[in-house]
Protein backbone atom coordinates (compact mmCIF):
# COMPACT_ATOMS: atom_id res chain seq x y z
CA LYS A 1 80.94 139.32 101.89
CA MET A 2 84.58 137.61 102.63
CA ASP A 3 84.69 135.34 105.83
CA ASP A 4 88.09 135.84 107.91
CA ASP A 5 88.86 132.46 108.00
CA ASP A 6 88.77 131.76 104.07
CA ASP A 7 92.29 131.68 103.56
CA ILE A 8 91.94 128.21 106.17
CA PRO A 9 91.53 125.51 104.81
CA GLN A 10 88.58 123.81 106.09
CA LEU A 11 87.94 120.16 106.25
CA SER A 12 84.90 118.90 105.51
CA SER A 13 82.24 117.01 107.61
CA HIS A 14 82.82 114.31 104.95
CA THR A 15 86.47 114.47 104.90
CA LEU A 16 86.67 114.32 108.87
CA ALA A 17 84.27 110.94 108.66
CA ALA A 18 86.66 109.25 106.57
CA LEU A 19 90.29 110.32 107.95
CA GLN A 20 88.79 109.43 111.40
CA GLU A 21 87.61 106.33 109.77
CA PHE A 22 90.32 105.42 108.16
CA TYR A 23 92.96 106.43 111.71
CA LEU A 24 90.41 103.48 113.19
CA GLU A 25 91.24 100.72 110.54
CA GLN A 26 94.44 101.57 110.94
CA GLN A 27 94.88 100.90 114.88
CA GLN A 28 92.56 98.24 113.96
CA ARG A 29 95.21 96.83 111.63
CA GLU A 30 97.66 97.43 114.27
CA GLY A 31 95.92 95.75 116.50
CA MET A 32 95.12 92.67 114.41
CA LYS A 33 99.05 92.91 113.62
CA THR A 34 99.93 92.60 117.14
CA SER A 35 97.49 89.62 118.39
CA GLN A 36 98.49 87.75 114.75
CA GLY A 37 102.01 88.11 116.22
CA PHE A 38 104.19 88.06 113.17
CA ASN A 39 104.47 84.24 111.84
CA GLN A 40 103.16 85.16 108.70
CA TYR A 41 105.57 87.21 106.83
CA SER A 42 102.59 89.00 104.22
CA ILE A 43 104.17 91.93 102.40
CA GLY A 44 101.13 93.95 104.85
CA SER A 45 102.96 93.36 108.22
CA ILE A 46 104.79 96.11 107.58
CA GLU A 47 103.66 98.99 105.77
CA GLU A 48 105.44 100.82 103.65
CA ASP A 49 106.95 104.12 104.90
CA TRP A 50 107.36 106.64 101.91
CA GLN A 51 109.45 108.97 104.48
CA LEU A 52 112.20 106.50 104.32
CA SER A 53 111.81 106.12 100.55
CA GLN A 54 109.72 102.55 100.16
CA PHE A 55 107.86 101.57 97.80
CA TRP A 56 107.03 98.32 97.95
CA TYR A 57 106.76 96.12 94.86
CA SER A 58 103.13 94.60 93.28
CA ASP A 59 102.67 91.01 94.76
CA GLU A 60 103.09 90.07 91.09
CA THR A 61 106.84 91.68 91.31
CA ALA A 62 107.68 90.19 94.46
CA SER A 63 106.89 87.04 93.16
CA CYS A 64 108.58 87.03 90.55
CA LEU A 65 111.52 88.38 91.95
CA ALA A 66 112.15 86.66 94.61
CA LYS A 67 111.28 83.08 92.89
CA GLU A 68 114.35 84.41 90.47
CA ALA A 69 116.23 84.96 93.48
CA ILE A 70 116.11 81.13 94.89
CA LEU A 71 116.56 79.88 91.20
CA ALA A 72 119.80 81.64 90.98
CA ALA A 73 120.96 81.20 94.44
CA GLY A 74 120.38 77.47 93.79
CA LYS A 75 119.93 74.84 96.87
CA GLY A 76 120.78 75.49 99.78
CA GLY A 77 121.79 78.57 98.35
CA ARG A 78 122.55 82.03 100.46
CA ILE A 79 119.93 85.32 98.99
CA ALA A 80 120.56 88.23 100.60
CA CYS A 81 118.63 91.42 100.42
CA VAL A 82 119.30 95.27 100.36
CA SER A 83 116.83 97.33 100.86
CA ALA A 84 114.41 95.37 99.26
CA PRO A 85 111.53 94.32 101.97
CA SER A 86 109.11 93.58 100.46
CA VAL A 87 111.20 90.34 98.31
CA TYR A 88 112.36 89.65 101.70
CA GLN A 89 108.48 88.98 103.17
CA LYS A 90 108.15 86.99 99.75
CA LEU A 91 111.21 84.87 100.02
CA LYS A 92 109.72 84.04 103.31
CA GLU A 93 106.49 82.61 102.69
CA GLN A 94 108.63 79.93 100.67
CA ASP A 95 108.62 78.03 103.96
CA GLY A 96 110.86 74.87 103.48
CA GLU A 97 112.42 75.81 100.66
CA ASP A 98 116.07 74.85 100.58
CA PHE A 99 117.59 78.92 101.26
CA SER A 100 118.70 80.97 103.99
CA VAL A 101 117.99 84.96 103.80
CA CYS A 102 119.19 87.74 105.31
CA ILE A 103 117.51 91.63 105.17
CA LEU A 104 119.68 94.33 105.22
CA GLU A 105 117.92 97.47 105.80
CA TYR A 106 117.58 100.92 106.94
CA ASP A 107 113.82 100.60 108.68
CA ARG A 108 114.57 98.84 111.77
CA ARG A 109 110.60 97.76 112.42
CA PHE A 110 111.99 94.77 110.33
CA SER A 111 113.75 93.50 113.20
CA VAL A 112 110.89 91.63 114.07
CA TYR A 113 112.76 89.15 111.49
CA GLY A 114 115.12 88.54 114.22
CA GLU A 115 118.37 86.87 113.46
CA GLU A 116 118.25 87.60 109.83
CA PHE A 117 117.53 91.22 110.34
CA ILE A 118 121.01 93.43 109.49
CA PHE A 119 120.63 97.27 110.38
CA TYR A 120 122.05 98.96 107.23
CA ASP A 121 122.86 102.49 106.06
CA TYR A 122 123.53 102.78 102.54
CA ASN A 123 125.99 105.56 103.66
CA HIS A 124 128.08 103.52 105.32
CA PRO A 125 128.12 100.53 103.06
CA LEU A 126 130.89 98.75 104.53
CA ASP A 127 129.76 99.02 108.39
CA LEU A 128 128.01 95.49 108.74
CA PRO A 129 128.27 92.98 111.46
CA GLU A 130 131.53 90.39 111.14
CA SER A 131 129.29 87.56 111.04
CA LEU A 132 128.75 88.80 107.50
CA LEU A 133 131.33 86.56 106.09
CA PRO A 134 132.83 88.86 102.09
CA HIS A 135 131.16 86.68 99.45
CA SER A 136 129.16 84.50 101.62
CA PHE A 137 125.68 84.97 99.46
CA ASP A 138 125.01 83.20 96.20
CA ILE A 139 123.28 86.32 94.97
CA VAL A 140 122.52 89.49 96.23
CA ILE A 141 118.97 91.46 95.11
CA ALA A 142 119.05 95.64 96.01
CA ASP A 143 116.91 97.86 95.51
CA PRO A 144 118.83 101.09 96.54
CA PRO A 145 116.53 103.75 98.59
CA TYR A 146 117.49 106.71 96.16
CA LEU A 147 117.79 106.87 92.28
CA SER A 148 121.37 109.35 92.79
CA GLU A 149 124.84 107.83 91.68
CA GLU A 150 126.11 108.67 95.06
CA CYS A 151 123.82 106.46 96.78
CA LEU A 152 124.09 103.15 93.97
CA GLN A 153 128.20 103.72 94.48
CA LYS A 154 127.88 103.20 97.71
CA THR A 155 125.03 100.40 97.68
CA ALA A 156 127.37 98.79 95.11
CA GLU A 157 130.24 98.67 97.11
CA THR A 158 128.02 96.26 99.79
CA ILE A 159 126.57 94.11 96.73
CA LYS A 160 130.15 93.41 96.07
CA TYR A 161 131.52 92.73 99.29
CA LEU A 162 128.42 90.67 100.36
CA THR A 163 128.39 88.60 96.59
CA LYS A 164 130.09 85.23 95.43
CA GLY A 165 128.92 87.01 91.48
CA LYS A 166 125.35 87.27 91.08
CA ILE A 167 123.45 90.32 91.37
CA LEU A 168 119.98 91.44 90.99
CA LEU A 169 119.45 94.86 90.94
CA CYS A 170 116.39 97.05 91.03
CA THR A 171 116.71 100.82 90.30
CA GLY A 172 115.42 103.24 88.05
CA ALA A 173 115.84 103.39 83.95
CA VAL A 174 118.06 106.51 84.29
CA MET A 175 120.46 104.20 86.06
CA GLU A 176 121.66 102.34 83.60
CA GLU A 177 124.96 103.28 82.25
CA GLU A 178 125.99 104.43 86.33
CA ALA A 179 124.69 100.58 87.21
CA ALA A 180 126.68 99.12 84.26
CA LYS A 181 129.78 101.34 85.40
CA GLN A 182 129.60 100.23 89.22
CA LEU A 183 127.94 96.77 89.10
CA GLY A 184 128.51 95.19 85.28
CA VAL A 185 124.55 94.95 84.66
CA LYS A 186 122.34 94.95 82.20
CA MET A 187 119.23 95.53 82.05
CA CYS A 188 116.24 92.60 81.45
CA LYS A 189 113.17 92.71 79.72
CA PHE A 190 111.30 92.50 82.94
CA ILE A 191 109.29 95.24 84.34
CA PRO A 192 108.89 95.28 87.98
CA LYS A 193 105.56 97.32 89.16
CA HIS A 194 105.27 98.61 92.67
CA SER A 195 102.08 98.11 94.34
CA ARG A 196 101.57 102.52 93.81
CA ASN A 197 102.89 103.93 90.62
CA LEU A 198 105.97 105.32 90.63
CA ALA A 199 106.70 108.77 88.36
CA ASN A 200 110.23 107.03 87.10
CA GLU A 201 110.45 104.34 85.07
CA PHE A 202 112.27 100.95 86.93
CA ARG A 203 114.17 98.06 85.83
CA CYS A 204 116.06 95.16 87.21
CA TYR A 205 119.86 94.34 85.71
CA VAL A 206 121.60 91.08 86.26
CA ASN A 207 125.11 89.95 85.84
CA TYR A 208 124.05 86.53 84.88
CA ALA A 209 121.65 84.66 82.50
CA SER A 210 118.88 84.93 84.72
CA GLY A 211 114.54 84.04 84.02
CA LEU A 212 113.56 87.98 83.41
CA ASP A 213 114.38 88.23 79.98
């Protein structure tokens, strides 16, 4: 016989228990975070938010890109991370190294990083605080949040405003031509990986002789 509520998907008690456990763990993690404070800039201290189209790099990729940015910026260099928070967090782990860094990010949770956080909406690419002087960063590392020409064009305006010259762009392989057109960057051999696999092939692009080939 057919039950009337057959078409309502029922969660099995097992799934429900698993979900409750997941939420509990999450609450505990949140609680731990607040009690530990934000001194450890670990990748996990802020979880990715898919609704903001955030996808964290794998630990290895974030480290590799952070090292590249430090090398490219040089001693006492200034690095800007535009919509690339997992690289920013890796850079912050390199405490005591001789460089400074800013994060331009739409996600206001990153305001916990204080002065270095700059609220950024790619729809308003030049809506930046006066303290961010034009061409004041030795390298800009950017990962536009969406794979669209419009998003890349607008983010490119920001990158060009900030950089003294060097650009490290992370975006889909499909954006190769547009990236070359907008920023004069070429695809590297290095293949960035994400902590969760993305459907789109992802690549890095640079406009200088980098260590990513």
